PDB file of all heavy atoms in Angstrom:
ATOM      1  N   ARG A   1     -20.331  21.666 -17.110  1.00  0.00           N
ATOM      2  CA  ARG A   1     -20.020  20.829 -15.949  1.00  0.00           C
ATOM      3  C   ARG A   1     -20.678  19.465 -16.094  1.00  0.00           C
ATOM      4  O   ARG A   1     -20.109  18.437 -15.774  1.00  0.00           O
ATOM      5  CB  ARG A   1     -20.492  21.544 -14.668  1.00  0.00           C
ATOM      6  CG  ARG A   1     -20.242  20.774 -13.414  1.00  0.00           C
ATOM      7  CD  ARG A   1     -18.780  20.721 -13.125  1.00  0.00           C
ATOM      8  NE  ARG A   1     -18.547  19.821 -12.008  1.00  0.00           N
ATOM      9  CZ  ARG A   1     -17.424  19.183 -11.796  1.00  0.00           C
ATOM     10  NH1 ARG A   1     -16.416  19.362 -12.594  1.00  0.00           N
ATOM     11  NH2 ARG A   1     -17.314  18.383 -10.783  1.00  0.00           N
ATOM     12  N   GLU A   2     -21.907  19.461 -16.604  1.00  0.00           N
ATOM     13  CA  GLU A   2     -22.635  18.193 -16.792  1.00  0.00           C
ATOM     14  C   GLU A   2     -21.937  17.282 -17.809  1.00  0.00           C
ATOM     15  O   GLU A   2     -21.828  16.069 -17.605  1.00  0.00           O
ATOM     16  CB  GLU A   2     -24.061  18.480 -17.261  1.00  0.00           C
ATOM     17  CG  GLU A   2     -24.931  17.237 -17.336  1.00  0.00           C
ATOM     18  CD  GLU A   2     -26.344  17.582 -17.748  1.00  0.00           C
ATOM     19  OE1 GLU A   2     -26.874  18.620 -17.277  1.00  0.00           O
ATOM     20  OE2 GLU A   2     -26.910  16.814 -18.523  1.00  0.00           O
ATOM     21  N   GLU A   3     -21.404  17.889 -18.873  1.00  0.00           N
ATOM     22  CA  GLU A   3     -20.683  17.122 -19.866  1.00  0.00           C
ATOM     23  C   GLU A   3     -19.394  16.533 -19.303  1.00  0.00           C
ATOM     24  O   GLU A   3     -19.031  15.391 -19.603  1.00  0.00           O
ATOM     25  CB  GLU A   3     -20.370  17.986 -21.091  1.00  0.00           C
ATOM     26  CG  GLU A   3     -21.588  18.362 -21.903  1.00  0.00           C
ATOM     27  CD  GLU A   3     -21.276  19.360 -23.004  1.00  0.00           C
ATOM     28  OE1 GLU A   3     -20.122  19.860 -23.058  1.00  0.00           O
ATOM     29  OE2 GLU A   3     -22.168  19.614 -23.797  1.00  0.00           O
ATOM     30  N   LEU A   4     -18.704  17.301 -18.465  1.00  0.00           N
ATOM     31  CA  LEU A   4     -17.498  16.769 -17.820  1.00  0.00           C
ATOM     32  C   LEU A   4     -17.820  15.625 -16.872  1.00  0.00           C
ATOM     33  O   LEU A   4     -17.084  14.645 -16.802  1.00  0.00           O
ATOM     34  CB  LEU A   4     -16.775  17.902 -17.077  1.00  0.00           C
ATOM     35  CG  LEU A   4     -16.064  18.924 -17.955  1.00  0.00           C
ATOM     36  CD1 LEU A   4     -15.511  20.078 -17.092  1.00  0.00           C
ATOM     37  CD2 LEU A   4     -14.928  18.269 -18.719  1.00  0.00           C
ATOM     38  N   ASP A   5     -18.939  15.763 -16.148  1.00  0.00           N
ATOM     39  CA  ASP A   5     -19.351  14.693 -15.253  1.00  0.00           C
ATOM     40  C   ASP A   5     -19.682  13.420 -16.047  1.00  0.00           C
ATOM     41  O   ASP A   5     -19.289  12.313 -15.652  1.00  0.00           O
ATOM     42  CB  ASP A   5     -20.582  15.116 -14.423  1.00  0.00           C
ATOM     43  CG  ASP A   5     -20.230  16.145 -13.378  1.00  0.00           C
ATOM     44  OD1 ASP A   5     -19.028  16.306 -13.051  1.00  0.00           O
ATOM     45  OD2 ASP A   5     -21.176  16.813 -12.890  1.00  0.00           O
ATOM     46  N   ASP A   6     -20.401  13.573 -17.167  1.00  0.00           N
ATOM     47  CA  ASP A   6     -20.734  12.441 -18.026  1.00  0.00           C
ATOM     48  C   ASP A   6     -19.467  11.779 -18.561  1.00  0.00           C
ATOM     49  O   ASP A   6     -19.375  10.546 -18.608  1.00  0.00           O
ATOM     50  CB  ASP A   6     -21.657  12.873 -19.167  1.00  0.00           C
ATOM     51  CG  ASP A   6     -23.047  13.229 -18.711  1.00  0.00           C
ATOM     52  OD1 ASP A   6     -23.405  12.880 -17.555  1.00  0.00           O
ATOM     53  OD2 ASP A   6     -23.753  13.865 -19.494  1.00  0.00           O
ATOM     54  N   LEU A   7     -18.523  12.574 -18.997  1.00  0.00           N
ATOM     55  CA  LEU A   7     -17.261  12.048 -19.514  1.00  0.00           C
ATOM     56  C   LEU A   7     -16.491  11.287 -18.440  1.00  0.00           C
ATOM     57  O   LEU A   7     -15.958  10.207 -18.673  1.00  0.00           O
ATOM     58  CB  LEU A   7     -16.394  13.177 -20.088  1.00  0.00           C
ATOM     59  CG  LEU A   7     -15.054  12.766 -20.647  1.00  0.00           C
ATOM     60  CD1 LEU A   7     -15.227  11.793 -21.814  1.00  0.00           C
ATOM     61  CD2 LEU A   7     -14.247  13.969 -21.092  1.00  0.00           C
ATOM     62  N   GLN A   8     -16.473  11.819 -17.248  1.00  0.00           N
ATOM     63  CA  GLN A   8     -15.767  11.171 -16.145  1.00  0.00           C
ATOM     64  C   GLN A   8     -16.442   9.819 -15.798  1.00  0.00           C
ATOM     65  O   GLN A   8     -15.744   8.828 -15.604  1.00  0.00           O
ATOM     66  CB  GLN A   8     -15.781  12.071 -14.913  1.00  0.00           C
ATOM     67  CG  GLN A   8     -14.973  11.499 -13.754  1.00  0.00           C
ATOM     68  CD  GLN A   8     -14.919  12.439 -12.587  1.00  0.00           C
ATOM     69  OE1 GLN A   8     -15.587  13.464 -12.573  1.00  0.00           O
ATOM     70  NE2 GLN A   8     -14.134  12.087 -11.593  1.00  0.00           N
ATOM     71  N   ILE A   9     -17.775   9.774 -15.791  1.00  0.00           N
ATOM     72  CA  ILE A   9     -18.471   8.526 -15.520  1.00  0.00           C
ATOM     73  C   ILE A   9     -18.169   7.512 -16.620  1.00  0.00           C
ATOM     74  O   ILE A   9     -17.870   6.358 -16.344  1.00  0.00           O
ATOM     75  CB  ILE A   9     -20.001   8.780 -15.429  1.00  0.00           C
ATOM     76  CG1 ILE A   9     -20.319   9.558 -14.152  1.00  0.00           C
ATOM     77  CG2 ILE A   9     -20.785   7.462 -15.469  1.00  0.00           C
ATOM     78  CD1 ILE A   9     -21.725  10.079 -14.083  1.00  0.00           C
ATOM     79  N   PHE A  10     -18.195   7.967 -17.873  1.00  0.00           N
ATOM     80  CA  PHE A  10     -17.907   7.090 -19.003  1.00  0.00           C
ATOM     81  C   PHE A  10     -16.509   6.501 -18.908  1.00  0.00           C
ATOM     82  O   PHE A  10     -16.314   5.285 -19.030  1.00  0.00           O
ATOM     83  CB  PHE A  10     -18.090   7.855 -20.315  1.00  0.00           C
ATOM     84  CG  PHE A  10     -17.646   7.077 -21.535  1.00  0.00           C
ATOM     85  CD1 PHE A  10     -18.424   6.056 -22.046  1.00  0.00           C
ATOM     86  CD2 PHE A  10     -16.447   7.374 -22.154  1.00  0.00           C
ATOM     87  CE1 PHE A  10     -18.033   5.349 -23.165  1.00  0.00           C
ATOM     88  CE2 PHE A  10     -16.035   6.670 -23.276  1.00  0.00           C
ATOM     89  CZ  PHE A  10     -16.817   5.654 -23.780  1.00  0.00           C
ATOM     90  N   LEU A  11     -15.523   7.341 -18.662  1.00  0.00           N
ATOM     91  CA  LEU A  11     -14.147   6.868 -18.591  1.00  0.00           C
ATOM     92  C   LEU A  11     -13.918   5.975 -17.380  1.00  0.00           C
ATOM     93  O   LEU A  11     -13.224   4.967 -17.475  1.00  0.00           O
ATOM     94  CB  LEU A  11     -13.184   8.078 -18.575  1.00  0.00           C
ATOM     95  CG  LEU A  11     -13.129   8.882 -19.874  1.00  0.00           C
ATOM     96  CD1 LEU A  11     -12.245  10.103 -19.680  1.00  0.00           C
ATOM     97  CD2 LEU A  11     -12.611   8.020 -21.020  1.00  0.00           C
ATOM     98  N   SER A  12     -14.491   6.307 -16.242  1.00  0.00           N
ATOM     99  CA  SER A  12     -14.300   5.467 -15.056  1.00  0.00           C
ATOM    100  C   SER A  12     -14.967   4.106 -15.223  1.00  0.00           C
ATOM    101  O   SER A  12     -14.431   3.095 -14.783  1.00  0.00           O
ATOM    102  CB  SER A  12     -14.820   6.160 -13.799  1.00  0.00           C
ATOM    103  OG  SER A  12     -16.205   6.332 -13.866  1.00  0.00           O
ATOM    104  N   THR A  13     -16.092   4.060 -15.929  1.00  0.00           N
ATOM    105  CA  THR A  13     -16.764   2.785 -16.191  1.00  0.00           C
ATOM    106  C   THR A  13     -15.911   1.924 -17.082  1.00  0.00           C
ATOM    107  O   THR A  13     -15.733   0.725 -16.856  1.00  0.00           O
ATOM    108  CB  THR A  13     -18.152   3.022 -16.825  1.00  0.00           C
ATOM    109  OG1 THR A  13     -18.928   3.861 -15.951  1.00  0.00           O
ATOM    110  CG2 THR A  13     -18.870   1.718 -17.068  1.00  0.00           C
ATOM    111  N   ARG A  14     -15.364   2.497 -18.151  1.00  0.00           N
ATOM    112  CA  ARG A  14     -14.522   1.736 -19.062  1.00  0.00           C
ATOM    113  C   ARG A  14     -13.275   1.223 -18.372  1.00  0.00           C
ATOM    114  O   ARG A  14     -12.855   0.102 -18.592  1.00  0.00           O
ATOM    115  CB  ARG A  14     -14.184   2.556 -20.293  1.00  0.00           C
ATOM    116  CG  ARG A  14     -15.383   2.855 -21.164  1.00  0.00           C
ATOM    117  CD  ARG A  14     -15.018   3.494 -22.439  1.00  0.00           C
ATOM    118  NE  ARG A  14     -14.226   2.614 -23.274  1.00  0.00           N
ATOM    119  CZ  ARG A  14     -14.673   1.947 -24.331  1.00  0.00           C
ATOM    120  NH1 ARG A  14     -15.921   2.062 -24.673  1.00  0.00           N
ATOM    121  NH2 ARG A  14     -13.868   1.197 -25.047  1.00  0.00           N
ATOM    122  N   TRP A  15     -12.683   2.038 -17.515  1.00  0.00           N
ATOM    123  CA  TRP A  15     -11.490   1.583 -16.809  1.00  0.00           C
ATOM    124  C   TRP A  15     -11.835   0.482 -15.821  1.00  0.00           C
ATOM    125  O   TRP A  15     -11.080  -0.437 -15.606  1.00  0.00           O
ATOM    126  CB  TRP A  15     -10.808   2.762 -16.081  1.00  0.00           C
ATOM    127  CG  TRP A  15     -10.001   3.588 -17.014  1.00  0.00           C
ATOM    128  CD1 TRP A  15     -10.262   4.862 -17.400  1.00  0.00           C
ATOM    129  CD2 TRP A  15      -8.818   3.205 -17.711  1.00  0.00           C
ATOM    130  NE1 TRP A  15      -9.326   5.299 -18.294  1.00  0.00           N
ATOM    131  CE2 TRP A  15      -8.412   4.294 -18.500  1.00  0.00           C
ATOM    132  CE3 TRP A  15      -8.056   2.035 -17.754  1.00  0.00           C
ATOM    133  CZ2 TRP A  15      -7.299   4.242 -19.326  1.00  0.00           C
ATOM    134  CZ3 TRP A  15      -6.950   2.000 -18.571  1.00  0.00           C
ATOM    135  CH2 TRP A  15      -6.567   3.089 -19.331  1.00  0.00           C
ATOM    136  N   ALA A  16     -13.012   0.581 -15.179  1.00  0.00           N
ATOM    137  CA  ALA A  16     -13.453  -0.467 -14.254  1.00  0.00           C
ATOM    138  C   ALA A  16     -13.641  -1.787 -14.985  1.00  0.00           C
ATOM    139  O   ALA A  16     -13.253  -2.858 -14.496  1.00  0.00           O
ATOM    140  CB  ALA A  16     -14.732  -0.042 -13.559  1.00  0.00           C
ATOM    141  N   ILE A  17     -14.203  -1.729 -16.179  1.00  0.00           N
ATOM    142  CA  ILE A  17     -14.399  -2.939 -16.985  1.00  0.00           C
ATOM    143  C   ILE A  17     -13.054  -3.553 -17.344  1.00  0.00           C
ATOM    144  O   ILE A  17     -12.837  -4.757 -17.208  1.00  0.00           O
ATOM    145  CB  ILE A  17     -15.235  -2.641 -18.247  1.00  0.00           C
ATOM    146  CG1 ILE A  17     -16.671  -2.291 -17.871  1.00  0.00           C
ATOM    147  CG2 ILE A  17     -15.176  -3.808 -19.239  1.00  0.00           C
ATOM    148  CD1 ILE A  17     -17.483  -1.738 -19.008  1.00  0.00           C
ATOM    149  N   LEU A  18     -12.124  -2.730 -17.796  1.00  0.00           N
ATOM    150  CA  LEU A  18     -10.791  -3.223 -18.151  1.00  0.00           C
ATOM    151  C   LEU A  18     -10.072  -3.809 -16.930  1.00  0.00           C
ATOM    152  O   LEU A  18      -9.436  -4.863 -17.024  1.00  0.00           O
ATOM    153  CB  LEU A  18      -9.955  -2.116 -18.755  1.00  0.00           C
ATOM    154  CG  LEU A  18     -10.313  -1.720 -20.189  1.00  0.00           C
ATOM    155  CD1 LEU A  18      -9.522  -0.497 -20.620  1.00  0.00           C
ATOM    156  CD2 LEU A  18     -10.071  -2.873 -21.143  1.00  0.00           C
ATOM    157  N   LEU A  19     -10.197  -3.163 -15.796  1.00  0.00           N
ATOM    158  CA  LEU A  19      -9.578  -3.648 -14.577  1.00  0.00           C
ATOM    159  C   LEU A  19     -10.159  -5.008 -14.190  1.00  0.00           C
ATOM    160  O   LEU A  19      -9.431  -5.946 -13.853  1.00  0.00           O
ATOM    161  CB  LEU A  19      -9.710  -2.640 -13.444  1.00  0.00           C
ATOM    162  CG  LEU A  19      -9.119  -3.059 -12.092  1.00  0.00           C
ATOM    163  CD1 LEU A  19      -7.613  -3.239 -12.218  1.00  0.00           C
ATOM    164  CD2 LEU A  19      -9.442  -2.028 -11.037  1.00  0.00           C
ATOM    165  N   ASN A  20     -11.490  -5.110 -14.225  1.00  0.00           N
ATOM    166  CA  ASN A  20     -12.140  -6.396 -13.887  1.00  0.00           C
ATOM    167  C   ASN A  20     -11.724  -7.505 -14.854  1.00  0.00           C
ATOM    168  O   ASN A  20     -11.527  -8.650 -14.454  1.00  0.00           O
ATOM    169  CB  ASN A  20     -13.657  -6.239 -13.882  1.00  0.00           C
ATOM    170  CG  ASN A  20     -14.127  -5.409 -12.720  1.00  0.00           C
ATOM    171  OD1 ASN A  20     -13.440  -5.284 -11.720  1.00  0.00           O
ATOM    172  ND2 ASN A  20     -15.312  -4.816 -12.855  1.00  0.00           N
ATOM    173  N   LEU A  21     -11.617  -7.183 -16.148  1.00  0.00           N
ATOM    174  CA  LEU A  21     -11.196  -8.181 -17.131  1.00  0.00           C
ATOM    175  C   LEU A  21      -9.766  -8.605 -16.858  1.00  0.00           C
ATOM    176  O   LEU A  21      -9.434  -9.788 -16.904  1.00  0.00           O
ATOM    177  CB  LEU A  21     -11.345  -7.610 -18.540  1.00  0.00           C
ATOM    178  CG  LEU A  21     -10.950  -8.556 -19.678  1.00  0.00           C
ATOM    179  CD1 LEU A  21     -11.819  -9.793 -19.660  1.00  0.00           C
ATOM    180  CD2 LEU A  21     -11.052  -7.833 -21.020  1.00  0.00           C
ATOM    181  N   HIS A  22      -8.915  -7.634 -16.516  1.00  0.00           N
ATOM    182  CA  HIS A  22      -7.534  -7.930 -16.187  1.00  0.00           C
ATOM    183  C   HIS A  22      -7.432  -8.859 -14.972  1.00  0.00           C
ATOM    184  O   HIS A  22      -6.688  -9.841 -14.978  1.00  0.00           O
ATOM    185  CB  HIS A  22      -6.784  -6.609 -15.940  1.00  0.00           C
ATOM    186  CG  HIS A  22      -5.323  -6.745 -15.761  1.00  0.00           C
ATOM    187  ND1 HIS A  22      -4.472  -7.078 -16.787  1.00  0.00           N
ATOM    188  CD2 HIS A  22      -4.545  -6.612 -14.642  1.00  0.00           C
ATOM    189  CE1 HIS A  22      -3.245  -7.129 -16.331  1.00  0.00           C
ATOM    190  NE2 HIS A  22      -3.264  -6.860 -15.017  1.00  0.00           N
ATOM    191  N   VAL A  23      -8.192  -8.564 -13.946  1.00  0.00           N
ATOM    192  CA  VAL A  23      -8.217  -9.405 -12.734  1.00  0.00           C
ATOM    193  C   VAL A  23      -8.704 -10.797 -13.057  1.00  0.00           C
ATOM    194  O   VAL A  23      -8.120 -11.805 -12.637  1.00  0.00           O
ATOM    195  CB  VAL A  23      -9.074  -8.739 -11.638  1.00  0.00           C
ATOM    196  CG1 VAL A  23      -9.365  -9.699 -10.504  1.00  0.00           C
ATOM    197  CG2 VAL A  23      -8.419  -7.478 -11.140  1.00  0.00           C
ATOM    198  N   GLU A  24      -9.777 -10.865 -13.873  1.00  0.00           N
ATOM    199  CA  GLU A  24     -10.353 -12.187 -14.226  1.00  0.00           C
ATOM    200  C   GLU A  24      -9.360 -13.025 -15.047  1.00  0.00           C
ATOM    201  O   GLU A  24      -9.263 -14.223 -14.857  1.00  0.00           O
ATOM    202  CB  GLU A  24     -11.657 -11.959 -15.018  1.00  0.00           C
ATOM    203  CG  GLU A  24     -12.429 -13.216 -15.306  1.00  0.00           C
ATOM    204  CD  GLU A  24     -13.075 -13.829 -14.084  1.00  0.00           C
ATOM    205  OE1 GLU A  24     -13.258 -13.124 -13.063  1.00  0.00           O
ATOM    206  OE2 GLU A  24     -13.398 -15.031 -14.130  1.00  0.00           O
ATOM    207  N   MET A  25      -8.635 -12.387 -15.943  1.00  0.00           N
ATOM    208  CA  MET A  25      -7.664 -13.095 -16.770  1.00  0.00           C
ATOM    209  C   MET A  25      -6.553 -13.702 -15.914  1.00  0.00           C
ATOM    210  O   MET A  25      -6.061 -14.789 -16.228  1.00  0.00           O
ATOM    211  CB  MET A  25      -7.105 -12.201 -17.851  1.00  0.00           C
ATOM    212  CG  MET A  25      -8.117 -11.924 -18.964  1.00  0.00           C
ATOM    213  SD  MET A  25      -7.543 -10.725 -20.164  1.00  0.00           S
ATOM    214  CE  MET A  25      -6.071 -11.460 -20.782  1.00  0.00           C
ATOM    215  N   PHE A  26      -6.136 -13.033 -14.847  1.00  0.00           N
ATOM    216  CA  PHE A  26      -5.094 -13.569 -14.013  1.00  0.00           C
ATOM    217  C   PHE A  26      -5.656 -14.637 -13.043  1.00  0.00           C
ATOM    218  O   PHE A  26      -4.910 -15.478 -12.572  1.00  0.00           O
ATOM    219  CB  PHE A  26      -4.400 -12.468 -13.218  1.00  0.00           C
ATOM    220  CG  PHE A  26      -3.364 -11.770 -14.036  1.00  0.00           C
ATOM    221  CD1 PHE A  26      -3.594 -10.510 -14.531  1.00  0.00           C
ATOM    222  CD2 PHE A  26      -2.159 -12.391 -14.333  1.00  0.00           C
ATOM    223  CE1 PHE A  26      -2.640  -9.841 -15.302  1.00  0.00           C
ATOM    224  CE2 PHE A  26      -1.199 -11.761 -15.121  1.00  0.00           C
ATOM    225  CZ  PHE A  26      -1.448 -10.492 -15.607  1.00  0.00           C
ATOM    226  N   ARG A  27      -6.956 -14.602 -12.817  1.00  0.00           N
ATOM    227  CA  ARG A  27      -7.591 -15.586 -11.920  1.00  0.00           C
ATOM    228  C   ARG A  27      -7.705 -16.946 -12.600  1.00  0.00           C
ATOM    229  O   ARG A  27      -7.567 -17.980 -11.974  1.00  0.00           O
ATOM    230  CB  ARG A  27      -8.977 -15.086 -11.491  1.00  0.00           C
ATOM    231  CG  ARG A  27      -9.640 -15.955 -10.460  1.00  0.00           C
ATOM    232  CD  ARG A  27     -11.057 -15.491 -10.151  1.00  0.00           C
ATOM    233  NE  ARG A  27     -11.938 -15.691 -11.278  1.00  0.00           N
ATOM    234  CZ  ARG A  27     -12.490 -16.847 -11.636  1.00  0.00           C
ATOM    235  NH1 ARG A  27     -12.208 -17.930 -10.962  1.00  0.00           N
ATOM    236  NH2 ARG A  27     -13.300 -16.929 -12.672  1.00  0.00           N
ATOM    237  N   VAL A  28      -8.000 -16.948 -13.881  1.00  0.00           N
ATOM    238  CA  VAL A  28      -8.191 -18.211 -14.611  1.00  0.00           C
ATOM    239  C   VAL A  28      -6.855 -18.803 -15.012  1.00  0.00           C
ATOM    240  O   VAL A  28      -5.826 -18.117 -15.070  1.00  0.00           O
ATOM    241  CB  VAL A  28      -9.111 -18.017 -15.829  1.00  0.00           C
ATOM    242  CG1 VAL A  28     -10.498 -17.597 -15.410  1.00  0.00           C
ATOM    243  CG2 VAL A  28      -8.522 -17.028 -16.804  1.00  0.00           C
ATOM    244  N   ASN A  29      -6.901 -20.092 -15.332  1.00  0.00           N
ATOM    245  CA  ASN A  29      -5.633 -20.806 -15.556  1.00  0.00           C
ATOM    246  C   ASN A  29      -5.136 -20.816 -16.985  1.00  0.00           C
ATOM    247  O   ASN A  29      -3.963 -20.758 -17.229  1.00  0.00           O
ATOM    248  CB  ASN A  29      -5.806 -22.257 -15.086  1.00  0.00           C
ATOM    249  CG  ASN A  29      -6.016 -22.352 -13.616  1.00  0.00           C
ATOM    250  OD1 ASN A  29      -5.582 -21.482 -12.880  1.00  0.00           O
ATOM    251  ND2 ASN A  29      -6.726 -23.364 -13.180  1.00  0.00           N
ATOM    252  N   ASN A  30      -6.031 -20.938 -17.971  1.00  0.00           N
ATOM    253  CA  ASN A  30      -5.543 -21.132 -19.333  1.00  0.00           C
ATOM    254  C   ASN A  30      -6.433 -20.437 -20.349  1.00  0.00           C
ATOM    255  O   ASN A  30      -7.442 -19.815 -19.970  1.00  0.00           O
ATOM    256  CB  ASN A  30      -5.429 -22.643 -19.641  1.00  0.00           C
ATOM    257  CG  ASN A  30      -6.737 -23.352 -19.406  1.00  0.00           C
ATOM    258  OD1 ASN A  30      -7.787 -22.763 -19.512  1.00  0.00           O
ATOM    259  ND2 ASN A  30      -6.650 -24.645 -19.076  1.00  0.00           N
ATOM    260  N   VAL A  31      -6.109 -20.558 -21.559  1.00  0.00           N
ATOM    261  CA  VAL A  31      -6.816 -19.850 -22.650  1.00  0.00           C
ATOM    262  C   VAL A  31      -8.273 -20.298 -22.737  1.00  0.00           C
ATOM    263  O   VAL A  31      -9.181 -19.478 -22.954  1.00  0.00           O
ATOM    264  CB  VAL A  31      -6.099 -20.081 -24.020  1.00  0.00           C
ATOM    265  CG1 VAL A  31      -6.900 -19.508 -25.162  1.00  0.00           C
ATOM    266  CG2 VAL A  31      -4.707 -19.486 -23.954  1.00  0.00           C
ATOM    267  N   GLU A  32      -8.504 -21.603 -22.582  1.00  0.00           N
ATOM    268  CA  GLU A  32      -9.879 -22.112 -22.665  1.00  0.00           C
ATOM    269  C   GLU A  32     -10.770 -21.468 -21.596  1.00  0.00           C
ATOM    270  O   GLU A  32     -11.923 -21.147 -21.858  1.00  0.00           O
ATOM    271  CB  GLU A  32      -9.899 -23.641 -22.523  1.00  0.00           C
ATOM    272  CG  GLU A  32      -9.341 -24.381 -23.707  1.00  0.00           C
ATOM    273  CD  GLU A  32      -7.805 -24.375 -23.768  1.00  0.00           C
ATOM    274  OE1 GLU A  32      -7.177 -24.133 -22.708  1.00  0.00           O
ATOM    275  OE2 GLU A  32      -7.256 -24.612 -24.833  1.00  0.00           O
ATOM    276  N   ASP A  33     -10.220 -21.300 -20.391  1.00  0.00           N
ATOM    277  CA  ASP A  33     -10.999 -20.650 -19.332  1.00  0.00           C
ATOM    278  C   ASP A  33     -11.292 -19.198 -19.676  1.00  0.00           C
ATOM    279  O   ASP A  33     -12.398 -18.707 -19.413  1.00  0.00           O
ATOM    280  CB  ASP A  33     -10.259 -20.736 -17.998  1.00  0.00           C
ATOM    281  CG  ASP A  33     -10.171 -22.148 -17.444  1.00  0.00           C
ATOM    282  OD1 ASP A  33     -11.010 -23.004 -17.868  1.00  0.00           O
ATOM    283  OD2 ASP A  33      -9.309 -22.406 -16.618  1.00  0.00           O
ATOM    284  N   ILE A  34     -10.335 -18.517 -20.249  1.00  0.00           N
ATOM    285  CA  ILE A  34     -10.531 -17.122 -20.635  1.00  0.00           C
ATOM    286  C   ILE A  34     -11.617 -17.038 -21.728  1.00  0.00           C
ATOM    287  O   ILE A  34     -12.498 -16.175 -21.660  1.00  0.00           O
ATOM    288  CB  ILE A  34      -9.234 -16.466 -21.112  1.00  0.00           C
ATOM    289  CG1 ILE A  34      -8.246 -16.356 -19.944  1.00  0.00           C
ATOM    290  CG2 ILE A  34      -9.489 -15.118 -21.751  1.00  0.00           C
ATOM    291  CD1 ILE A  34      -6.864 -15.943 -20.325  1.00  0.00           C
ATOM    292  N   LEU A  35     -11.562 -17.957 -22.695  1.00  0.00           N
ATOM    293  CA  LEU A  35     -12.592 -17.959 -23.741  1.00  0.00           C
ATOM    294  C   LEU A  35     -13.972 -18.200 -23.148  1.00  0.00           C
ATOM    295  O   LEU A  35     -14.968 -17.579 -23.535  1.00  0.00           O
ATOM    296  CB  LEU A  35     -12.274 -19.033 -24.794  1.00  0.00           C
ATOM    297  CG  LEU A  35     -11.080 -18.728 -25.692  1.00  0.00           C
ATOM    298  CD1 LEU A  35     -10.724 -19.961 -26.511  1.00  0.00           C
ATOM    299  CD2 LEU A  35     -11.328 -17.525 -26.549  1.00  0.00           C
ATOM    300  N   GLN A  36     -14.050 -19.119 -22.169  1.00  0.00           N
ATOM    301  CA  GLN A  36     -15.344 -19.371 -21.537  1.00  0.00           C
ATOM    302  C   GLN A  36     -15.852 -18.167 -20.786  1.00  0.00           C
ATOM    303  O   GLN A  36     -17.046 -17.866 -20.829  1.00  0.00           O
ATOM    304  CB  GLN A  36     -15.237 -20.588 -20.619  1.00  0.00           C
ATOM    305  CG  GLN A  36     -15.184 -21.894 -21.346  1.00  0.00           C
ATOM    306  CD  GLN A  36     -15.219 -23.091 -20.421  1.00  0.00           C
ATOM    307  OE1 GLN A  36     -15.476 -22.957 -19.237  1.00  0.00           O
ATOM    308  NE2 GLN A  36     -14.923 -24.266 -20.970  1.00  0.00           N
ATOM    309  N   VAL A  37     -14.958 -17.478 -20.091  1.00  0.00           N
ATOM    310  CA  VAL A  37     -15.370 -16.237 -19.386  1.00  0.00           C
ATOM    311  C   VAL A  37     -15.908 -15.220 -20.387  1.00  0.00           C
ATOM    312  O   VAL A  37     -16.937 -14.582 -20.158  1.00  0.00           O
ATOM    313  CB  VAL A  37     -14.192 -15.668 -18.578  1.00  0.00           C
ATOM    314  CG1 VAL A  37     -14.506 -14.260 -18.095  1.00  0.00           C
ATOM    315  CG2 VAL A  37     -13.853 -16.563 -17.416  1.00  0.00           C
ATOM    316  N   LEU A  38     -15.245 -15.074 -21.520  1.00  0.00           N
ATOM    317  CA  LEU A  38     -15.691 -14.113 -22.557  1.00  0.00           C
ATOM    318  C   LEU A  38     -17.021 -14.546 -23.151  1.00  0.00           C
ATOM    319  O   LEU A  38     -17.901 -13.714 -23.418  1.00  0.00           O
ATOM    320  CB  LEU A  38     -14.638 -13.976 -23.630  1.00  0.00           C
ATOM    321  CG  LEU A  38     -13.342 -13.262 -23.206  1.00  0.00           C
ATOM    322  CD1 LEU A  38     -12.304 -13.358 -24.311  1.00  0.00           C
ATOM    323  CD2 LEU A  38     -13.613 -11.832 -22.822  1.00  0.00           C
ATOM    324  N   ILE A  39     -17.209 -15.847 -23.360  1.00  0.00           N
ATOM    325  CA  ILE A  39     -18.482 -16.328 -23.903  1.00  0.00           C
ATOM    326  C   ILE A  39     -19.624 -16.079 -22.926  1.00  0.00           C
ATOM    327  O   ILE A  39     -20.691 -15.592 -23.314  1.00  0.00           O
ATOM    328  CB  ILE A  39     -18.389 -17.842 -24.254  1.00  0.00           C
ATOM    329  CG1 ILE A  39     -17.475 -18.027 -25.465  1.00  0.00           C
ATOM    330  CG2 ILE A  39     -19.762 -18.442 -24.514  1.00  0.00           C
ATOM    331  CD1 ILE A  39     -17.074 -19.463 -25.725  1.00  0.00           C
ATOM    332  N   VAL A  40     -19.396 -16.361 -21.660  1.00  0.00           N
ATOM    333  CA  VAL A  40     -20.403 -16.126 -20.625  1.00  0.00           C
ATOM    334  C   VAL A  40     -20.754 -14.644 -20.587  1.00  0.00           C
ATOM    335  O   VAL A  40     -21.940 -14.249 -20.521  1.00  0.00           O
ATOM    336  CB  VAL A  40     -19.961 -16.647 -19.248  1.00  0.00           C
ATOM    337  CG1 VAL A  40     -20.887 -16.159 -18.145  1.00  0.00           C
ATOM    338  CG2 VAL A  40     -19.867 -18.160 -19.254  1.00  0.00           C
TER     339      VAL A  40
END
C-alpha cells in the first residue's frame, strides 16, 4: 500500500508540473518568453 501511495504521489507531481508548464506556455507570448521562463 505504501508503494502504491508513493507511486501515486510521484505521478501526480509529474502531471502537476506538466500542467503548470502547459499553462505557462500559453500565458507567454513568444518563444523568447518561453526560453526565459525555462531559464528562470
